[in-house]
Amino acid sequence: GLKEAAQGPGKGRPAILHKASKVVDVDPH
């Protein structure tokens, strides 16, 4: 239900969900 609310029709742009996308590093700055 949360995935549908994030990606489906509704207020604002639908979020884009990337599955099987392992993050190995981030840069907070």
PDB file of all heavy atoms in Angstrom:
ATOM      1  N   GLY A   1       0.819  -1.217   0.000  1.00  0.00           N
ATOM      2  CA  GLY A   1       0.000   0.000   0.000  1.00  0.00           C
ATOM      3  C   GLY A   1       0.845   1.256   0.000  1.00  0.00           C
ATOM      4  O   GLY A   1       0.520   2.238  -0.681  1.00  0.00           O
ATOM      5  N   LEU A   2       1.950   1.253   0.749  1.00  0.00           N
ATOM      6  CA  LEU A   2       2.849   2.406   0.758  1.00  0.00           C
ATOM      7  C   LEU A   2       3.522   2.580  -0.600  1.00  0.00           C
ATOM      8  O   LEU A   2       3.685   3.715  -1.086  1.00  0.00           O
ATOM      9  CB  LEU A   2       3.910   2.238   1.848  1.00  0.00           C
ATOM     10  CG  LEU A   2       3.429   2.309   3.303  1.00  0.00           C
ATOM     11  CD1 LEU A   2       4.602   2.079   4.248  1.00  0.00           C
ATOM     12  CD2 LEU A   2       2.763   3.646   3.606  1.00  0.00           C
ATOM     13  N   LYS A   3       3.931   1.477  -1.219  1.00  0.00           N
ATOM     14  CA  LYS A   3       4.557   1.571  -2.549  1.00  0.00           C
ATOM     15  C   LYS A   3       3.593   2.193  -3.558  1.00  0.00           C
ATOM     16  O   LYS A   3       3.992   3.037  -4.375  1.00  0.00           O
ATOM     17  CB  LYS A   3       4.996   0.185  -3.028  1.00  0.00           C
ATOM     18  CG  LYS A   3       6.271  -0.329  -2.404  1.00  0.00           C
ATOM     19  CD  LYS A   3       6.856  -1.490  -3.190  1.00  0.00           C
ATOM     20  CE  LYS A   3       5.972  -2.701  -3.153  1.00  0.00           C
ATOM     21  NZ  LYS A   3       6.561  -3.843  -3.870  1.00  0.00           N
ATOM     22  N   GLU A   4       2.326   1.772  -3.504  1.00  0.00           N
ATOM     23  CA  GLU A   4       1.344   2.325  -4.435  1.00  0.00           C
ATOM     24  C   GLU A   4       1.149   3.820  -4.186  1.00  0.00           C
ATOM     25  O   GLU A   4       1.059   4.612  -5.129  1.00  0.00           O
ATOM     26  CB  GLU A   4       0.018   1.584  -4.273  1.00  0.00           C
ATOM     27  CG  GLU A   4      -1.145   2.176  -5.058  1.00  0.00           C
ATOM     28  CD  GLU A   4      -0.916   2.220  -6.566  1.00  0.00           C
ATOM     29  OE1 GLU A   4      -0.136   1.383  -7.073  1.00  0.00           O
ATOM     30  OE2 GLU A   4      -1.498   3.096  -7.233  1.00  0.00           O
ATOM     31  N   ALA A   5       1.092   4.228  -2.916  1.00  0.00           N
ATOM     32  CA  ALA A   5       0.911   5.647  -2.604  1.00  0.00           C
ATOM     33  C   ALA A   5       2.120   6.470  -3.027  1.00  0.00           C
ATOM     34  O   ALA A   5       1.987   7.642  -3.402  1.00  0.00           O
ATOM     35  CB  ALA A   5       0.652   5.826  -1.110  1.00  0.00           C
ATOM     36  N   ALA A   6       3.304   5.877  -2.971  1.00  0.00           N
ATOM     37  CA  ALA A   6       4.518   6.597  -3.371  1.00  0.00           C
ATOM     38  C   ALA A   6       4.649   6.692  -4.877  1.00  0.00           C
ATOM     39  O   ALA A   6       5.083   7.716  -5.412  1.00  0.00           O
ATOM     40  CB  ALA A   6       5.750   5.903  -2.780  1.00  0.00           C
ATOM     41  N   GLN A   7       4.254   5.633  -5.595  1.00  0.00           N
ATOM     42  CA  GLN A   7       4.495   5.558  -7.036  1.00  0.00           C
ATOM     43  C   GLN A   7       3.269   5.818  -7.895  1.00  0.00           C
ATOM     44  O   GLN A   7       3.406   6.131  -9.077  1.00  0.00           O
ATOM     45  CB  GLN A   7       5.026   4.156  -7.393  1.00  0.00           C
ATOM     46  CG  GLN A   7       6.350   3.786  -6.772  1.00  0.00           C
ATOM     47  CD  GLN A   7       6.748   2.386  -7.167  1.00  0.00           C
ATOM     48  OE1 GLN A   7       6.351   1.411  -6.550  1.00  0.00           O
ATOM     49  NE2 GLN A   7       7.536   2.287  -8.221  1.00  0.00           N
ATOM     50  N   GLY A   8       2.091   5.667  -7.328  1.00  0.00           N
ATOM     51  CA  GLY A   8       0.882   5.732  -8.127  1.00  0.00           C
ATOM     52  C   GLY A   8       0.362   7.139  -8.325  1.00  0.00           C
ATOM     53  O   GLY A   8       1.021   8.129  -7.993  1.00  0.00           O
ATOM     54  N   PRO A   9      -0.849   7.256  -8.883  1.00  0.00           N
ATOM     55  CA  PRO A   9      -1.468   8.567  -9.081  1.00  0.00           C
ATOM     56  C   PRO A   9      -1.669   9.275  -7.746  1.00  0.00           C
ATOM     57  O   PRO A   9      -1.862   8.635  -6.717  1.00  0.00           O
ATOM     58  CB  PRO A   9      -2.813   8.215  -9.734  1.00  0.00           C
ATOM     59  CG  PRO A   9      -2.642   6.838 -10.283  1.00  0.00           C
ATOM     60  CD  PRO A   9      -1.691   6.140  -9.364  1.00  0.00           C
ATOM     61  N   GLY A  10      -1.611  10.574  -7.790  1.00  0.00           N
ATOM     62  CA  GLY A  10      -1.805  11.345  -6.570  1.00  0.00           C
ATOM     63  C   GLY A  10      -1.123  12.683  -6.657  1.00  0.00           C
ATOM     64  O   GLY A  10      -0.597  13.078  -7.699  1.00  0.00           O
ATOM     65  N   LYS A  11      -1.126  13.384  -5.544  1.00  0.00           N
ATOM     66  CA  LYS A  11      -0.541  14.717  -5.483  1.00  0.00           C
ATOM     67  C   LYS A  11       0.966  14.651  -5.698  1.00  0.00           C
ATOM     68  O   LYS A  11       1.656  13.837  -5.096  1.00  0.00           O
ATOM     69  CB  LYS A  11      -0.853  15.344  -4.132  1.00  0.00           C
ATOM     70  CG  LYS A  11      -0.350  16.768  -3.969  1.00  0.00           C
ATOM     71  CD  LYS A  11      -0.700  17.310  -2.594  1.00  0.00           C
ATOM     72  CE  LYS A  11      -0.178  18.722  -2.389  1.00  0.00           C
ATOM     73  NZ  LYS A  11      -0.492  19.228  -1.030  1.00  0.00           N
ATOM     74  N   GLY A  12       1.480  15.516  -6.544  1.00  0.00           N
ATOM     75  CA  GLY A  12       2.918  15.578  -6.783  1.00  0.00           C
ATOM     76  C   GLY A  12       3.385  14.557  -7.794  1.00  0.00           C
ATOM     77  O   GLY A  12       2.612  13.761  -8.333  1.00  0.00           O
ATOM     78  N   ARG A  13       4.683  14.572  -8.056  1.00  0.00           N
ATOM     79  CA  ARG A  13       5.272  13.636  -9.010  1.00  0.00           C
ATOM     80  C   ARG A  13       5.412  12.261  -8.363  1.00  0.00           C
ATOM     81  O   ARG A  13       5.902  12.152  -7.245  1.00  0.00           O
ATOM     82  CB  ARG A  13       6.662  14.112  -9.434  1.00  0.00           C
ATOM     83  CG  ARG A  13       6.713  15.520  -9.996  1.00  0.00           C
ATOM     84  CD  ARG A  13       8.171  15.945 -10.167  1.00  0.00           C
ATOM     85  NE  ARG A  13       8.297  17.283 -10.724  1.00  0.00           N
ATOM     86  CZ  ARG A  13       8.273  18.396 -10.009  1.00  0.00           C
ATOM     87  NH1 ARG A  13       8.117  18.321  -8.696  1.00  0.00           N
ATOM     88  NH2 ARG A  13       8.400  19.570 -10.586  1.00  0.00           N
ATOM     89  N   PRO A  14       5.045  11.198  -9.060  1.00  0.00           N
ATOM     90  CA  PRO A  14       5.264   9.860  -8.508  1.00  0.00           C
ATOM     91  C   PRO A  14       6.743   9.619  -8.226  1.00  0.00           C
ATOM     92  O   PRO A  14       7.616  10.015  -8.996  1.00  0.00           O
ATOM     93  CB  PRO A  14       4.756   8.936  -9.620  1.00  0.00           C
ATOM     94  CG  PRO A  14       3.782   9.766 -10.394  1.00  0.00           C
ATOM     95  CD  PRO A  14       4.334  11.163 -10.352  1.00  0.00           C
ATOM     96  N   ALA A  15       7.018   8.976  -7.101  1.00  0.00           N
ATOM     97  CA  ALA A  15       8.401   8.632  -6.766  1.00  0.00           C
ATOM     98  C   ALA A  15       8.886   7.516  -7.686  1.00  0.00           C
ATOM     99  O   ALA A  15       8.104   6.693  -8.158  1.00  0.00           O
ATOM    100  CB  ALA A  15       8.490   8.192  -5.308  1.00  0.00           C
ATOM    101  N   ILE A  16      10.181   7.492  -7.917  1.00  0.00           N
ATOM    102  CA  ILE A  16      10.799   6.446  -8.731  1.00  0.00           C
ATOM    103  C   ILE A  16      11.495   5.471  -7.802  1.00  0.00           C
ATOM    104  O   ILE A  16      12.350   5.861  -6.998  1.00  0.00           O
ATOM    105  CB  ILE A  16      11.794   7.048  -9.739  1.00  0.00           C
ATOM    106  CG1 ILE A  16      11.063   7.969 -10.714  1.00  0.00           C
ATOM    107  CG2 ILE A  16      12.534   5.952 -10.484  1.00  0.00           C
ATOM    108  CD1 ILE A  16      11.982   8.700 -11.659  1.00  0.00           C
ATOM    109  N   LEU A  17      11.127   4.188  -7.907  1.00  0.00           N
ATOM    110  CA  LEU A  17      11.681   3.152  -7.044  1.00  0.00           C
ATOM    111  C   LEU A  17      12.623   2.262  -7.848  1.00  0.00           C
ATOM    112  O   LEU A  17      12.214   1.645  -8.831  1.00  0.00           O
ATOM    113  CB  LEU A  17      10.550   2.322  -6.439  1.00  0.00           C
ATOM    114  CG  LEU A  17      10.953   1.087  -5.630  1.00  0.00           C
ATOM    115  CD1 LEU A  17      11.858   1.457  -4.466  1.00  0.00           C
ATOM    116  CD2 LEU A  17       9.705   0.356  -5.132  1.00  0.00           C
ATOM    117  N   HIS A  18      13.880   2.210  -7.441  1.00  0.00           N
ATOM    118  CA  HIS A  18      14.885   1.360  -8.083  1.00  0.00           C
ATOM    119  C   HIS A  18      15.095   0.128  -7.211  1.00  0.00           C
ATOM    120  O   HIS A  18      15.675   0.224  -6.122  1.00  0.00           O
ATOM    121  CB  HIS A  18      16.209   2.116  -8.237  1.00  0.00           C
ATOM    122  CG  HIS A  18      16.092   3.378  -9.038  1.00  0.00           C
ATOM    123  ND1 HIS A  18      16.037   3.404 -10.405  1.00  0.00           N
ATOM    124  CD2 HIS A  18      16.003   4.672  -8.632  1.00  0.00           C
ATOM    125  CE1 HIS A  18      15.945   4.650 -10.830  1.00  0.00           C
ATOM    126  NE2 HIS A  18      15.911   5.445  -9.765  1.00  0.00           N
ATOM    127  N   LYS A  19      14.642  -1.026  -7.671  1.00  0.00           N
ATOM    128  CA  LYS A  19      14.842  -2.270  -6.941  1.00  0.00           C
ATOM    129  C   LYS A  19      16.208  -2.864  -7.301  1.00  0.00           C
ATOM    130  O   LYS A  19      16.792  -2.541  -8.331  1.00  0.00           O
ATOM    131  CB  LYS A  19      13.743  -3.268  -7.273  1.00  0.00           C
ATOM    132  CG  LYS A  19      12.334  -2.772  -6.964  1.00  0.00           C
ATOM    133  CD  LYS A  19      11.302  -3.801  -7.385  1.00  0.00           C
ATOM    134  CE  LYS A  19       9.884  -3.278  -7.183  1.00  0.00           C
ATOM    135  NZ  LYS A  19       8.868  -4.259  -7.631  1.00  0.00           N
ATOM    136  N   ALA A  20      16.667  -3.778  -6.456  1.00  0.00           N
ATOM    137  CA  ALA A  20      17.945  -4.462  -6.679  1.00  0.00           C
ATOM    138  C   ALA A  20      19.051  -3.457  -6.999  1.00  0.00           C
ATOM    139  O   ALA A  20      19.887  -3.673  -7.872  1.00  0.00           O
ATOM    140  CB  ALA A  20      17.819  -5.486  -7.798  1.00  0.00           C
ATOM    141  N   SER A  21      19.022  -2.323  -6.288  1.00  0.00           N
ATOM    142  CA  SER A  21      20.004  -1.257  -6.502  1.00  0.00           C
ATOM    143  C   SER A  21      20.756  -1.030  -5.194  1.00  0.00           C
ATOM    144  O   SER A  21      20.368  -0.194  -4.368  1.00  0.00           O
ATOM    145  CB  SER A  21      19.315   0.030  -6.961  1.00  0.00           C
ATOM    146  OG  SER A  21      18.685  -0.159  -8.207  1.00  0.00           O
ATOM    147  N   LYS A  22      21.817  -1.781  -5.023  1.00  0.00           N
ATOM    148  CA  LYS A  22      22.576  -1.717  -3.788  1.00  0.00           C
ATOM    149  C   LYS A  22      23.438  -0.468  -3.759  1.00  0.00           C
ATOM    150  O   LYS A  22      24.221  -0.209  -4.668  1.00  0.00           O
ATOM    151  CB  LYS A  22      23.461  -2.954  -3.645  1.00  0.00           C
ATOM    152  CG  LYS A  22      24.259  -2.995  -2.345  1.00  0.00           C
ATOM    153  CD  LYS A  22      25.096  -4.259  -2.251  1.00  0.00           C
ATOM    154  CE  LYS A  22      25.900  -4.296  -0.956  1.00  0.00           C
ATOM    155  NZ  LYS A  22      26.736  -5.521  -0.873  1.00  0.00           N
ATOM    156  N   VAL A  23      23.297   0.325  -2.699  1.00  0.00           N
ATOM    157  CA  VAL A  23      24.104   1.523  -2.508  1.00  0.00           C
ATOM    158  C   VAL A  23      25.361   1.125  -1.733  1.00  0.00           C
ATOM    159  O   VAL A  23      25.278   0.536  -0.651  1.00  0.00           O
ATOM    160  CB  VAL A  23      23.311   2.603  -1.747  1.00  0.00           C
ATOM    161  CG1 VAL A  23      24.194   3.795  -1.432  1.00  0.00           C
ATOM    162  CG2 VAL A  23      22.096   3.042  -2.562  1.00  0.00           C
ATOM    163  N   VAL A  24      26.524   1.462  -2.278  1.00  0.00           N
ATOM    164  CA  VAL A  24      27.786   1.088  -1.640  1.00  0.00           C
ATOM    165  C   VAL A  24      28.489   2.279  -1.011  1.00  0.00           C
ATOM    166  O   VAL A  24      29.428   2.104  -0.228  1.00  0.00           O
ATOM    167  CB  VAL A  24      28.724   0.388  -2.647  1.00  0.00           C
ATOM    168  CG1 VAL A  24      28.107  -0.914  -3.136  1.00  0.00           C
ATOM    169  CG2 VAL A  24      29.050   1.307  -3.827  1.00  0.00           C
ATOM    170  N   ASP A  25      28.047   3.506  -1.328  1.00  0.00           N
ATOM    171  CA  ASP A  25      28.657   4.681  -0.717  1.00  0.00           C
ATOM    172  C   ASP A  25      27.712   5.865  -0.852  1.00  0.00           C
ATOM    173  O   ASP A  25      26.865   5.910  -1.766  1.00  0.00           O
ATOM    174  CB  ASP A  25      29.993   5.017  -1.384  1.00  0.00           C
ATOM    175  CG  ASP A  25      30.839   5.983  -0.539  1.00  0.00           C
ATOM    176  OD1 ASP A  25      30.529   6.146   0.654  1.00  0.00           O
ATOM    177  OD2 ASP A  25      31.793   6.573  -1.084  1.00  0.00           O
ATOM    178  N   VAL A  26      27.819   6.808   0.078  1.00  0.00           N
ATOM    179  CA  VAL A  26      27.044   8.042   0.015  1.00  0.00           C
ATOM    180  C   VAL A  26      27.949   9.195   0.404  1.00  0.00           C
ATOM    181  O   VAL A  26      28.940   9.025   1.113  1.00  0.00           O
ATOM    182  CB  VAL A  26      25.810   8.008   0.960  1.00  0.00           C
ATOM    183  CG1 VAL A  26      24.848   6.910   0.563  1.00  0.00           C
ATOM    184  CG2 VAL A  26      26.238   7.859   2.413  1.00  0.00           C
ATOM    185  N   ASP A  27      27.600  10.397  -0.054  1.00  0.00           N
ATOM    186  CA  ASP A  27      28.325  11.610   0.304  1.00  0.00           C
ATOM    187  C   ASP A  27      27.325  12.603   0.885  1.00  0.00           C
ATOM    188  O   ASP A  27      26.500  13.166   0.151  1.00  0.00           O
ATOM    189  CB  ASP A  27      29.017  12.217  -0.919  1.00  0.00           C
ATOM    190  CG  ASP A  27      29.938  13.382  -0.553  1.00  0.00           C
ATOM    191  OD1 ASP A  27      29.613  14.114   0.396  1.00  0.00           O
ATOM    192  OD2 ASP A  27      30.971  13.564  -1.220  1.00  0.00           O
ATOM    193  N   PRO A  28      27.355  12.826   2.216  1.00  0.00           N
ATOM    194  CA  PRO A  28      26.384  13.733   2.837  1.00  0.00           C
ATOM    195  C   PRO A  28      26.516  15.175   2.363  1.00  0.00           C
ATOM    196  O   PRO A  28      25.541  15.936   2.452  1.00  0.00           O
ATOM    197  CB  PRO A  28      26.698  13.618   4.331  1.00  0.00           C
ATOM    198  CG  PRO A  28      27.485  12.367   4.477  1.00  0.00           C
ATOM    199  CD  PRO A  28      28.252  12.219   3.207  1.00  0.00           C
ATOM    200  N   HIS A  29      27.690  15.577   1.914  1.00  0.00           N
ATOM    201  CA  HIS A  29      27.912  16.975   1.539  1.00  0.00           C
ATOM    202  C   HIS A  29      27.486  17.250   0.097  1.00  0.00           C
ATOM    203  O   HIS A  29      26.954  18.317  -0.210  1.00  0.00           O
ATOM    204  CB  HIS A  29      29.377  17.331   1.749  1.00  0.00           C
ATOM    205  CG  HIS A  29      29.869  17.014   3.129  1.00  0.00           C
ATOM    206  ND1 HIS A  29      29.499  17.752   4.227  1.00  0.00           N
ATOM    207  CD2 HIS A  29      30.669  16.016   3.596  1.00  0.00           C
ATOM    208  CE1 HIS A  29      30.055  17.235   5.316  1.00  0.00           C
ATOM    209  NE2 HIS A  29      30.773  16.177   4.958  1.00  0.00           N
TER     210      HIS A  29
END
